[in-house]
C-alpha atoms as a PDB file:
ATOM      1  CA  MET A   1       0.000   0.000   0.000  1.00  0.00           C
ATOM      2  CA  ALA A   2       1.139   3.575  -0.615  1.00  0.00           C
ATOM      3  CA  VAL A   3       2.642   5.663   2.144  1.00  0.00           C
ATOM      4  CA  ASP A   4       0.446   8.530   3.367  1.00  0.00           C
ATOM      5  CA  GLU A   5       1.917  11.980   2.870  1.00  0.00           C
ATOM      6  CA  ALA A   6       0.864  15.511   3.809  1.00  0.00           C
ATOM      7  CA  THR A   7       0.369  16.565   0.158  1.00  0.00           C
ATOM      8  CA  ALA A   8       0.487  15.040  -3.312  1.00  0.00           C
ATOM      9  CA  ARG A   9       0.149  16.248  -6.896  1.00  0.00           C
ATOM     10  CA  VAL A  10      -3.492  16.550  -7.918  1.00  0.00           C
ATOM     11  CA  ASP A  11      -3.036  14.547 -11.140  1.00  0.00           C
ATOM     12  CA  SER A  12      -1.344  11.758  -9.192  1.00  0.00           C
ATOM     13  CA  TRP A  13      -4.060  11.754  -6.511  1.00  0.00           C
ATOM     14  CA  ILE A  14      -6.925  11.682  -9.039  1.00  0.00           C
ATOM     15  CA  TRP A  15      -5.292   8.692 -10.711  1.00  0.00           C
ATOM     16  CA  SER A  16      -4.432   7.018  -7.368  1.00  0.00           C
ATOM     17  CA  VAL A  17      -8.038   7.009  -6.157  1.00  0.00           C
ATOM     18  CA  ARG A  18      -9.286   5.826  -9.552  1.00  0.00           C
ATOM     19  CA  LEU A  19     -11.218   8.882 -10.705  1.00  0.00           C
ATOM     20  CA  THR A  20      -9.377   8.581 -14.055  1.00  0.00           C
ATOM     21  CA  LYS A  21      -7.994   5.518 -15.805  1.00  0.00           C
ATOM     22  CA  THR A  22      -4.480   6.864 -16.379  1.00  0.00           C
ATOM     23  CA  ARG A  23      -2.287   9.566 -14.921  1.00  0.00           C
ATOM     24  CA  ALA A  24      -1.909  11.043 -18.395  1.00  0.00           C
ATOM     25  CA  LEU A  25      -5.701  11.483 -18.604  1.00  0.00           C
ATOM     26  CA  ALA A  26      -5.671  13.093 -15.155  1.00  0.00           C
ATOM     27  CA  ALA A  27      -2.952  15.540 -16.212  1.00  0.00           C
ATOM     28  CA  ALA A  28      -4.799  16.303 -19.464  1.00  0.00           C
ATOM     29  CA  ALA A  29      -8.007  17.003 -17.507  1.00  0.00           C
ATOM     30  CA  CYS A  30      -6.089  19.434 -15.274  1.00  0.00           C
ATOM     31  CA  ARG A  31      -4.541  21.225 -18.254  1.00  0.00           C
ATOM     32  CA  ALA A  32      -7.943  21.482 -19.951  1.00  0.00           C
ATOM     33  CA  GLY A  33      -9.480  23.103 -16.866  1.00  0.00           C
ATOM     34  CA  HIS A  34     -11.713  20.154 -15.925  1.00  0.00           C
ATOM     35  CA  VAL A  35     -10.257  19.868 -12.414  1.00  0.00           C
ATOM     36  CA  ARG A  36     -10.921  22.373  -9.641  1.00  0.00           C
ATOM     37  CA  ILE A  37      -9.707  22.381  -6.041  1.00  0.00           C
ATOM     38  CA  ASN A  38     -11.811  24.475  -3.680  1.00  0.00           C
ATOM     39  CA  GLY A  39     -13.356  26.220  -6.696  1.00  0.00           C
ATOM     40  CA  GLU A  40     -10.099  27.168  -8.465  1.00  0.00           C
ATOM     41  CA  ARG A  41      -8.763  25.692 -11.697  1.00  0.00           C
ATOM     42  CA  VAL A  42      -5.467  23.951 -11.078  1.00  0.00           C
ATOM     43  CA  LYS A  43      -2.461  22.663 -12.978  1.00  0.00           C
ATOM     44  CA  PRO A  44      -1.384  19.005 -12.722  1.00  0.00           C
ATOM     45  CA  ALA A  45       1.380  19.753 -10.164  1.00  0.00           C
ATOM     46  CA  HIS A  46      -0.908  21.596  -7.736  1.00  0.00           C
ATOM     47  CA  PRO A  47      -0.722  20.032  -4.246  1.00  0.00           C
ATOM     48  CA  VAL A  48      -3.825  18.399  -2.766  1.00  0.00           C
ATOM     49  CA  LYS A  49      -4.229  17.958   0.985  1.00  0.00           C
ATOM     50  CA  VAL A  50      -6.762  16.460   3.384  1.00  0.00           C
ATOM     51  CA  GLY A  51     -10.011  18.457   3.461  1.00  0.00           C
ATOM     52  CA  ASP A  52      -9.745  19.860  -0.079  1.00  0.00           C
ATOM     53  CA  GLU A  53     -12.823  19.673  -2.301  1.00  0.00           C
ATOM     54  CA  VAL A  54     -11.858  18.314  -5.724  1.00  0.00           C
ATOM     55  CA  ARG A  55     -14.223  18.645  -8.692  1.00  0.00           C
ATOM     56  CA  VAL A  56     -13.493  16.562 -11.783  1.00  0.00           C
ATOM     57  CA  ARG A  57     -15.665  17.058 -14.887  1.00  0.00           C
ATOM     58  CA  GLN A  58     -16.116  13.829 -16.840  1.00  0.00           C
ATOM     59  CA  ASP A  59     -18.249  13.897 -19.989  1.00  0.00           C
ATOM     60  CA  ASP A  60     -21.561  15.435 -18.882  1.00  0.00           C
ATOM     61  CA  TRP A  61     -21.087  14.749 -15.159  1.00  0.00           C
ATOM     62  CA  THR A  62     -19.075  16.460 -12.419  1.00  0.00           C
ATOM     63  CA  ARG A  63     -17.557  14.344  -9.647  1.00  0.00           C
ATOM     64  CA  VAL A  64     -17.364  16.248  -6.362  1.00  0.00           C
ATOM     65  CA  VAL A  65     -15.114  14.583  -3.772  1.00  0.00           C
ATOM     66  CA  VAL A  66     -13.575  15.691  -0.491  1.00  0.00           C
ATOM     67  CA  VAL A  67     -10.072  14.385   0.212  1.00  0.00           C
ATOM     68  CA  SER A  68      -9.924  12.289   3.379  1.00  0.00           C
ATOM     69  CA  ARG A  69      -6.525  10.686   2.756  1.00  0.00           C
ATOM     70  CA  VAL A  70      -3.632  11.700   0.517  1.00  0.00           C
ATOM     71  CA  LEU A  71      -2.019   9.068  -1.708  1.00  0.00           C
ATOM     72  CA  SER A  72       0.667   9.306  -4.342  1.00  0.00           C
ATOM     73  CA  LYS A  73       0.638   5.683  -5.558  1.00  0.00           C
ATOM     74  CA  ARG A  74      -2.278   3.817  -7.091  1.00  0.00           C
ATOM     75  CA  VAL A  75      -4.080   1.475  -4.702  1.00  0.00           C
ATOM     76  CA  GLY A  76      -6.820  -1.132  -4.945  1.00  0.00           C
ATOM     77  CA  ALA A  77     -10.412  -0.090  -5.490  1.00  0.00           C
ATOM     78  CA  SER A  78     -11.502  -1.015  -1.970  1.00  0.00           C
ATOM     79  CA  VAL A  79      -8.753   1.188  -0.439  1.00  0.00           C
ATOM     80  CA  ALA A  80      -9.302   3.994  -2.959  1.00  0.00           C
ATOM     81  CA  VAL A  81     -12.943   4.430  -1.901  1.00  0.00           C
ATOM     82  CA  GLU A  82     -11.799   5.110   1.677  1.00  0.00           C
ATOM     83  CA  CYS A  83      -9.556   7.996   0.542  1.00  0.00           C
ATOM     84  CA  PHE A  84     -12.362  10.409  -0.365  1.00  0.00           C
ATOM     85  CA  VAL A  85     -15.951  11.315   0.464  1.00  0.00           C
ATOM     86  CA  ASP A  86     -18.111  11.390  -2.668  1.00  0.00           C
ATOM     87  CA  ASN A  87     -20.555  14.337  -2.696  1.00  0.00           C
ATOM     88  CA  SER A  88     -21.351  14.057  -6.412  1.00  0.00           C
ATOM     89  CA  PRO A  89     -24.871  14.647  -7.683  1.00  0.00           C
ATOM     90  CA  PRO A  90     -26.455  11.595  -9.330  1.00  0.00           C
ATOM     91  CA  ARG A  91     -25.524  10.886 -12.947  1.00  0.00           C
ATOM     92  CA  PRO A  92     -27.962  12.299 -15.517  1.00  0.00           C
ATOM     93  CA  ALA A  93     -30.233   9.702 -17.068  1.00  0.00           C
ATOM     94  CA  ALA A  94     -29.231   8.376 -20.478  1.00  0.00           C
ATOM     95  CA  LEU A  95     -31.340   9.641 -23.364  1.00  0.00           C
ATOM     96  CA  GLY A  96     -31.491   6.274 -25.088  1.00  0.00           C
ATOM     97  CA  PRO A  97     -31.432   5.571 -28.805  1.00  0.00           C
ATOM     98  CA  ALA A  98     -32.858   8.052 -31.302  1.00  0.00           C
ATOM     99  CA  PRO A  99     -36.277   7.217 -32.748  1.00  0.00           C
ATOM    100  CA  VAL A 100     -36.287   5.519 -36.116  1.00  0.00           C
ATOM    101  CA  ALA A 101     -38.741   6.373 -38.874  1.00  0.00           C
ATOM    102  CA  VAL A 102     -41.039   3.392 -39.426  1.00  0.00           C
ATOM    103  CA  ARG A 103     -42.767   2.634 -42.701  1.00  0.00           C
ATOM    104  CA  GLU A 104     -45.416   0.020 -43.259  1.00  0.00           C
ATOM    105  CA  HIS A 105     -44.174  -3.221 -44.706  1.00  0.00           C
ATOM    106  CA  GLY A 106     -44.664  -3.248 -48.457  1.00  0.00           C
ATOM    107  CA  ALA A 107     -45.102   0.517 -48.731  1.00  0.00           C
ATOM    108  CA  GLY A 108     -42.162   0.647 -51.125  1.00  0.00           C
ATOM    109  CA  ARG A 109     -39.702   3.409 -51.690  1.00  0.00           C
ATOM    110  CA  PRO A 110     -40.687   6.842 -50.265  1.00  0.00           C
ATOM    111  CA  THR A 111     -41.873   9.386 -52.769  1.00  0.00           C
ATOM    112  CA  LYS A 112     -40.222  12.769 -53.127  1.00  0.00           C
ATOM    113  CA  ARG A 113     -43.009  14.266 -51.022  1.00  0.00           C
ATOM    114  CA  ASP A 114     -42.479  11.616 -48.285  1.00  0.00           C
ATOM    115  CA  ARG A 115     -38.731  12.199 -48.324  1.00  0.00           C
ATOM    116  CA  ARG A 116     -39.147  15.975 -47.943  1.00  0.00           C
ATOM    117  CA  ALA A 117     -41.558  15.455 -45.053  1.00  0.00           C
ATOM    118  CA  LEU A 118     -39.029  13.174 -43.325  1.00  0.00           C
ATOM    119  CA  GLU A 119     -36.216  15.679 -43.864  1.00  0.00           C
ATOM    120  CA  GLN A 120     -38.350  18.447 -42.384  1.00  0.00           C
ATOM    121  CA  LEU A 121     -39.297  16.235 -39.435  1.00  0.00           C
ATOM    122  CA  PHE A 122     -35.680  15.376 -38.600  1.00  0.00           C
ATOM    123  CA  GLY A 123     -34.374  18.881 -39.316  1.00  0.00           C
ATOM    124  CA  ARG A 124     -32.050  17.857 -42.133  1.00  0.00           C
ATOM    125  CA  PRO A 125     -31.398  20.286 -44.961  1.00  0.00           C
ATOM    126  CA  GLY A 126     -33.316  19.374 -48.102  1.00  0.00           C
ATOM    127  CA  GLY A 127     -31.663  18.939 -51.446  1.00  0.00           C
END
């Protein structure tokens, strides 16, 4: 198991507690401004300490965690969960697949009028 320290790099800590898959992705998220500590955007080398609130934006969801233990080496999933308190809002519901236009069996190829109606319905530019 990793030795506890007073501070660690934020990219290393995010990777250590398994909020990102790789340290490179953690560093890239920091450089892109997707990581905030106590409300401020941080660089990958910014130190994180116990009690800091870390926000990591992933896709369309923001993870909000409070540091309860500082690590610099990656640990198992069961130990990683003990190193932070997760205050994240629930994930947004998935939208599901897009609706598909259904035609009756045997209706044949759509006419020009049908095609234009479908293009207008789906918001595609007509040709």
